[in-house]
């Protein structure tokens, strides 16, 4: 499921679902299936990876919410999106050190944009504003 403790994951999940609603309000269709049911788990990581890569093969934008420096499969998905040249928006909390590849500023064709934020409560609105 998540590297976060359950209480932190539940809070993050609520943020993700609020961001998905905000994305939907811009006319885009977010992929939020893994977050819709708190108890949803795949039988094994290979099933999760297969499903997520199938979704990534069809998306037109990848949004990463980087709120804490934890081991997360989202970083693998980020790498996959980078390789496929999918436009990427990274919303990174102030003070959190970005992964090595995200620290550069000269991404090919402006593929990646990093936006810093301080409070998660305003994140849904910030995401929606940057999708318009």
C-alpha atoms as a PDB file:
ATOM      1  CA  UNK A   1       0.000   0.000   0.000  1.00  0.00           C
ATOM      2  CA  UNK A   2       2.073   2.945   1.205  1.00  0.00           C
ATOM      3  CA  UNK A   3       5.327   3.603   3.001  1.00  0.00           C
ATOM      4  CA  UNK A   4       3.481   6.186   5.110  1.00  0.00           C
ATOM      5  CA  UNK A   5       1.970   5.290   8.474  1.00  0.00           C
ATOM      6  CA  UNK A   6      -1.775   4.706   8.118  1.00  0.00           C
ATOM      7  CA  UNK A   7      -2.874   8.040   9.669  1.00  0.00           C
ATOM      8  CA  UNK A   8      -0.528   9.999   7.383  1.00  0.00           C
ATOM      9  CA  UNK A   9      -1.644   7.941   4.393  1.00  0.00           C
ATOM     10  CA  UNK A  10      -5.305   8.658   5.153  1.00  0.00           C
ATOM     11  CA  UNK A  11      -4.577  12.391   5.277  1.00  0.00           C
ATOM     12  CA  UNK A  12      -2.550  12.225   2.046  1.00  0.00           C
ATOM     13  CA  UNK A  13      -5.322  10.182   0.416  1.00  0.00           C
ATOM     14  CA  UNK A  14      -7.850  12.916   1.226  1.00  0.00           C
ATOM     15  CA  UNK A  15      -5.517  15.483  -0.343  1.00  0.00           C
ATOM     16  CA  UNK A  16      -5.102  13.334  -3.457  1.00  0.00           C
ATOM     17  CA  UNK A  17      -8.859  12.903  -3.845  1.00  0.00           C
ATOM     18  CA  UNK A  18      -9.389  16.667  -3.432  1.00  0.00           C
ATOM     19  CA  UNK A  19      -6.704  17.294  -6.067  1.00  0.00           C
ATOM     20  CA  UNK A  20      -8.416  14.797  -8.384  1.00  0.00           C
ATOM     21  CA  UNK A  21     -11.679  16.706  -7.969  1.00  0.00           C
ATOM     22  CA  UNK A  22      -9.833  19.927  -8.808  1.00  0.00           C
ATOM     23  CA  UNK A  23      -8.268  18.311 -11.880  1.00  0.00           C
ATOM     24  CA  UNK A  24     -11.711  17.104 -12.955  1.00  0.00           C
ATOM     25  CA  UNK A  25     -13.041  20.660 -12.648  1.00  0.00           C
ATOM     26  CA  UNK A  26     -10.615  21.701 -15.408  1.00  0.00           C
ATOM     27  CA  UNK A  27     -12.125  19.201 -17.853  1.00  0.00           C
ATOM     28  CA  UNK A  28      -9.401  16.582 -17.455  1.00  0.00           C
ATOM     29  CA  UNK A  29     -10.035  13.045 -16.301  1.00  0.00           C
ATOM     30  CA  UNK A  30      -7.745  12.135 -13.383  1.00  0.00           C
ATOM     31  CA  UNK A  31      -6.759   8.560 -12.585  1.00  0.00           C
ATOM     32  CA  UNK A  32      -7.538   8.087  -8.912  1.00  0.00           C
ATOM     33  CA  UNK A  33      -8.568   4.438  -8.696  1.00  0.00           C
ATOM     34  CA  UNK A  34      -5.844   3.400  -6.213  1.00  0.00           C
ATOM     35  CA  UNK A  35      -7.018   6.094  -3.776  1.00  0.00           C
ATOM     36  CA  UNK A  36     -10.781   5.617  -4.029  1.00  0.00           C
ATOM     37  CA  UNK A  37     -10.953   2.723  -1.560  1.00  0.00           C
ATOM     38  CA  UNK A  38      -8.731   2.931   1.496  1.00  0.00           C
ATOM     39  CA  UNK A  39      -8.517  -0.855   1.698  1.00  0.00           C
ATOM     40  CA  UNK A  40      -7.648  -1.430  -1.972  1.00  0.00           C
ATOM     41  CA  UNK A  41      -4.458  -3.381  -2.380  1.00  0.00           C
ATOM     42  CA  UNK A  42      -3.060  -5.405  -5.243  1.00  0.00           C
ATOM     43  CA  UNK A  43      -2.175  -9.037  -4.661  1.00  0.00           C
ATOM     44  CA  UNK A  44       1.387  -8.277  -5.632  1.00  0.00           C
ATOM     45  CA  UNK A  45       3.497  -5.338  -6.812  1.00  0.00           C
ATOM     46  CA  UNK A  46       3.670  -6.712 -10.360  1.00  0.00           C
ATOM     47  CA  UNK A  47      -0.117  -6.312 -10.730  1.00  0.00           C
ATOM     48  CA  UNK A  48       0.046  -2.709  -9.505  1.00  0.00           C
ATOM     49  CA  UNK A  49       2.963  -1.905 -11.797  1.00  0.00           C
ATOM     50  CA  UNK A  50       1.234  -3.440 -14.816  1.00  0.00           C
ATOM     51  CA  UNK A  51      -1.984  -1.486 -14.177  1.00  0.00           C
ATOM     52  CA  UNK A  52      -0.173   1.806 -13.550  1.00  0.00           C
ATOM     53  CA  UNK A  53       1.984   1.486 -16.661  1.00  0.00           C
ATOM     54  CA  UNK A  54      -1.114   0.701 -18.747  1.00  0.00           C
ATOM     55  CA  UNK A  55      -2.668   3.929 -17.461  1.00  0.00           C
ATOM     56  CA  UNK A  56       0.549   5.892 -18.069  1.00  0.00           C
ATOM     57  CA  UNK A  57       0.590   4.660 -21.667  1.00  0.00           C
ATOM     58  CA  UNK A  58      -2.626   6.634 -22.217  1.00  0.00           C
ATOM     59  CA  UNK A  59      -2.236   9.828 -20.181  1.00  0.00           C
ATOM     60  CA  UNK A  60      -1.520  13.285 -21.564  1.00  0.00           C
ATOM     61  CA  UNK A  61      -0.205  14.731 -18.287  1.00  0.00           C
ATOM     62  CA  UNK A  62       1.480  13.301 -15.184  1.00  0.00           C
ATOM     63  CA  UNK A  63       0.979  15.137 -11.883  1.00  0.00           C
ATOM     64  CA  UNK A  64       3.173  14.227  -8.926  1.00  0.00           C
ATOM     65  CA  UNK A  65       2.355  15.399  -5.406  1.00  0.00           C
ATOM     66  CA  UNK A  66       5.675  15.269  -3.589  1.00  0.00           C
ATOM     67  CA  UNK A  67       4.756  16.057   0.001  1.00  0.00           C
ATOM     68  CA  UNK A  68       7.259  13.957   1.914  1.00  0.00           C
ATOM     69  CA  UNK A  69      10.541  12.248   1.189  1.00  0.00           C
ATOM     70  CA  UNK A  70       9.369   8.636   1.378  1.00  0.00           C
ATOM     71  CA  UNK A  71      10.002   5.602  -0.756  1.00  0.00           C
ATOM     72  CA  UNK A  72       7.147   5.593  -3.227  1.00  0.00           C
ATOM     73  CA  UNK A  73       6.324   3.828  -6.458  1.00  0.00           C
ATOM     74  CA  UNK A  74       5.252   7.240  -7.771  1.00  0.00           C
ATOM     75  CA  UNK A  75       8.934   7.933  -8.423  1.00  0.00           C
ATOM     76  CA  UNK A  76       9.107   4.875 -10.690  1.00  0.00           C
ATOM     77  CA  UNK A  77       5.994   6.118 -12.462  1.00  0.00           C
ATOM     78  CA  UNK A  78       7.633   9.545 -12.745  1.00  0.00           C
ATOM     79  CA  UNK A  79      10.651   7.961 -14.456  1.00  0.00           C
ATOM     80  CA  UNK A  80       8.349   6.108 -16.842  1.00  0.00           C
ATOM     81  CA  UNK A  81       6.540   9.360 -17.668  1.00  0.00           C
ATOM     82  CA  UNK A  82       9.896  11.094 -18.214  1.00  0.00           C
ATOM     83  CA  UNK A  83      11.008   8.350 -20.603  1.00  0.00           C
ATOM     84  CA  UNK A  84       7.725   8.589 -22.529  1.00  0.00           C
ATOM     85  CA  UNK A  85       8.089  12.405 -22.739  1.00  0.00           C
ATOM     86  CA  UNK A  86       4.721  12.944 -21.040  1.00  0.00           C
ATOM     87  CA  UNK A  87       4.343  16.524 -19.744  1.00  0.00           C
ATOM     88  CA  UNK A  88       4.880  16.502 -15.975  1.00  0.00           C
ATOM     89  CA  UNK A  89       3.807  18.838 -13.194  1.00  0.00           C
ATOM     90  CA  UNK A  90       5.501  18.244  -9.842  1.00  0.00           C
ATOM     91  CA  UNK A  91       3.992  19.903  -6.792  1.00  0.00           C
ATOM     92  CA  UNK A  92       6.695  19.739  -4.142  1.00  0.00           C
ATOM     93  CA  UNK A  93       6.339  20.857  -0.559  1.00  0.00           C
ATOM     94  CA  UNK A  94       8.726  23.616   0.509  1.00  0.00           C
ATOM     95  CA  UNK A  95      11.734  22.211   2.326  1.00  0.00           C
ATOM     96  CA  UNK A  96      11.487  18.730   0.797  1.00  0.00           C
ATOM     97  CA  UNK A  97      14.611  17.899  -1.189  1.00  0.00           C
ATOM     98  CA  UNK A  98      13.688  16.794  -4.689  1.00  0.00           C
ATOM     99  CA  UNK A  99      15.006  13.570  -6.216  1.00  0.00           C
ATOM    100  CA  UNK A 100      18.240  14.076  -8.144  1.00  0.00           C
ATOM    101  CA  UNK A 101      16.764  14.194 -11.664  1.00  0.00           C
ATOM    102  CA  UNK A 102      14.154  16.776 -10.660  1.00  0.00           C
ATOM    103  CA  UNK A 103      16.776  19.206  -9.377  1.00  0.00           C
ATOM    104  CA  UNK A 104      17.883  20.227 -12.861  1.00  0.00           C
ATOM    105  CA  UNK A 105      16.199  23.167 -14.512  1.00  0.00           C
ATOM    106  CA  UNK A 106      16.762  22.514 -18.206  1.00  0.00           C
ATOM    107  CA  UNK A 107      14.335  19.713 -18.955  1.00  0.00           C
ATOM    108  CA  UNK A 108      13.890  18.781 -22.615  1.00  0.00           C
ATOM    109  CA  UNK A 109      11.161  20.873 -24.255  1.00  0.00           C
ATOM    110  CA  UNK A 110      10.016  22.114 -20.850  1.00  0.00           C
ATOM    111  CA  UNK A 111       8.643  18.632 -20.156  1.00  0.00           C
ATOM    112  CA  UNK A 112       8.763  19.064 -16.385  1.00  0.00           C
ATOM    113  CA  UNK A 113       7.639  21.973 -14.273  1.00  0.00           C
ATOM    114  CA  UNK A 114       8.243  21.998 -10.516  1.00  0.00           C
ATOM    115  CA  UNK A 115       5.914  24.125  -8.404  1.00  0.00           C
ATOM    116  CA  UNK A 116       6.628  24.575  -4.698  1.00  0.00           C
ATOM    117  CA  UNK A 117       3.882  24.917  -2.092  1.00  0.00           C
ATOM    118  CA  UNK A 118       3.813  25.409   1.661  1.00  0.00           C
ATOM    119  CA  UNK A 119       0.406  24.136   2.810  1.00  0.00           C
ATOM    120  CA  UNK A 120      -1.394  21.042   1.543  1.00  0.00           C
ATOM    121  CA  UNK A 121      -4.777  22.641   2.225  1.00  0.00           C
ATOM    122  CA  UNK A 122      -4.354  24.950  -0.790  1.00  0.00           C
ATOM    123  CA  UNK A 123      -2.968  22.241  -3.040  1.00  0.00           C
ATOM    124  CA  UNK A 124      -6.181  21.388  -4.956  1.00  0.00           C
ATOM    125  CA  UNK A 125      -6.655  25.023  -5.988  1.00  0.00           C
ATOM    126  CA  UNK A 126      -2.960  25.404  -6.856  1.00  0.00           C
ATOM    127  CA  UNK A 127      -3.091  22.324  -9.082  1.00  0.00           C
ATOM    128  CA  UNK A 128      -6.254  23.498 -10.848  1.00  0.00           C
ATOM    129  CA  UNK A 129      -4.751  26.963 -11.437  1.00  0.00           C
ATOM    130  CA  UNK A 130      -1.683  25.408 -13.062  1.00  0.00           C
ATOM    131  CA  UNK A 131      -3.775  23.245 -15.391  1.00  0.00           C
ATOM    132  CA  UNK A 132      -5.659  26.174 -16.913  1.00  0.00           C
END
